[in-house]
Protein backbone atom coordinates (compact mmCIF):
# COMPACT_ATOMS: atom_id res chain seq x y z
CA LEU A 1 110.10 109.98 78.64
CA VAL A 2 111.79 110.85 75.38
CA SER A 3 115.09 109.04 75.87
CA ASN A 4 116.81 110.75 72.95
CA ASP A 5 116.12 114.17 74.50
CA ILE A 6 117.50 112.99 77.84
CA GLY A 7 120.64 111.85 76.04
CA VAL A 8 120.95 115.23 74.30
CA ALA A 9 120.50 117.00 77.65
CA SER A 10 123.29 114.86 79.11
CA MET A 11 125.50 115.78 76.18
CA MET A 12 124.70 119.46 76.74
CA LEU A 13 126.07 119.06 80.28
CA GLY A 14 129.25 117.53 78.91
CA ALA A 15 128.47 113.86 79.62
CA GLY A 16 128.70 112.94 75.94
CA ARG A 17 130.28 113.99 72.69
CA LEU A 18 128.80 115.77 69.70
CA THR A 19 132.05 115.17 67.81
CA LYS A 20 134.90 112.76 68.50
CA GLU A 21 137.10 115.72 69.47
CA ASP A 22 134.78 116.82 72.30
CA ASP A 23 135.88 116.11 75.87
CA ILE A 24 133.68 114.16 78.26
CA ASP A 25 133.17 115.54 81.78
CA LEU A 26 132.96 112.42 83.97
CA ALA A 27 131.51 114.41 86.89
CA VAL A 28 128.27 115.42 85.13
CA GLY A 29 125.10 113.58 84.21
CA ILE A 30 121.43 113.01 84.86
CA VAL A 31 119.95 110.54 87.35
CA LEU A 32 116.38 109.44 86.66
CA ASN A 33 114.62 109.16 90.03
CA LYS A 34 111.44 107.70 88.52
CA LYS A 35 110.72 105.08 85.88
CA ILE A 36 107.88 104.90 83.39
CA GLY A 37 104.80 103.71 85.27
CA ASP A 38 105.94 104.94 88.70
CA LYS A 39 103.47 106.97 90.74
CA VAL A 40 104.50 110.63 91.03
CA GLU A 41 103.47 112.87 93.90
CA GLU A 42 103.32 116.65 93.57
CA GLY A 43 106.66 118.22 94.46
CA GLU A 44 108.55 114.95 94.04
CA SER A 45 111.90 115.04 92.24
CA LEU A 46 111.77 113.25 88.87
CA LEU A 47 115.47 113.56 88.12
CA THR A 48 118.74 114.95 89.45
CA ILE A 49 121.15 117.01 87.35
CA HIS A 50 124.87 116.85 88.15
CA SER A 51 126.66 119.76 86.50
CA ASN A 52 129.89 121.74 86.67
CA ARG A 53 128.25 124.88 85.33
CA GLN A 54 125.88 127.30 87.06
CA ASP A 55 123.51 127.98 84.16
CA VAL A 56 121.60 124.84 83.25
CA ASP A 57 118.38 126.53 82.09
CA ASP A 58 118.79 125.12 78.56
CA VAL A 59 119.23 121.61 79.97
CA VAL A 60 116.21 121.97 82.27
CA LYS A 61 114.10 123.19 79.33
CA LYS A 62 115.17 120.18 77.23
CA LEU A 63 114.42 117.77 80.06
CA ASP A 64 111.08 119.41 80.86
CA SER A 65 109.93 118.90 77.28
CA SER A 66 110.99 115.23 77.38
CA ILE A 67 108.74 114.25 80.30
CA THR A 68 104.98 113.69 80.25
CA ILE A 69 103.02 112.95 83.41
CA ALA A 70 99.76 111.08 82.83
CA ASP A 71 96.78 110.85 85.16
CA HIS A 72 96.66 107.07 84.65
CA VAL A 73 99.16 104.22 84.96
CA VAL A 74 101.36 103.82 81.89
CA SER A 75 103.11 100.51 81.30
CA PRO A 76 106.66 100.68 79.98
CA THR A 77 107.16 99.34 76.48
CA LEU A 78 109.80 96.63 76.31
CA ILE A 79 109.51 96.05 72.58
CA HIS A 80 108.88 99.12 70.47
CA LYS A 81 108.39 97.41 67.12
CA ILE A 82 108.90 94.00 65.54
CA ILE A 83 110.32 94.11 62.03
CA THR A 84 109.56 91.14 59.79
CA GLU A 85 110.20 90.43 56.14
């Protein structure tokens, strides 16, 4: 999962702001039905899109490119990087 892309897709739906003047639509968003490391069966829903617009093809394309399904178990990373002096 590329979390930044999922955030951008949410913003595209209206769940976030690109500028401080943008309105937020509290009725839209993305629900992740699976977590990193979960087993995925064919045909299973990975996420749910809540939208107030009919055409969400651009959002689906963004989300599709943010998800990778591996053929082996992947452990979630809790700590990405430790920065020391």
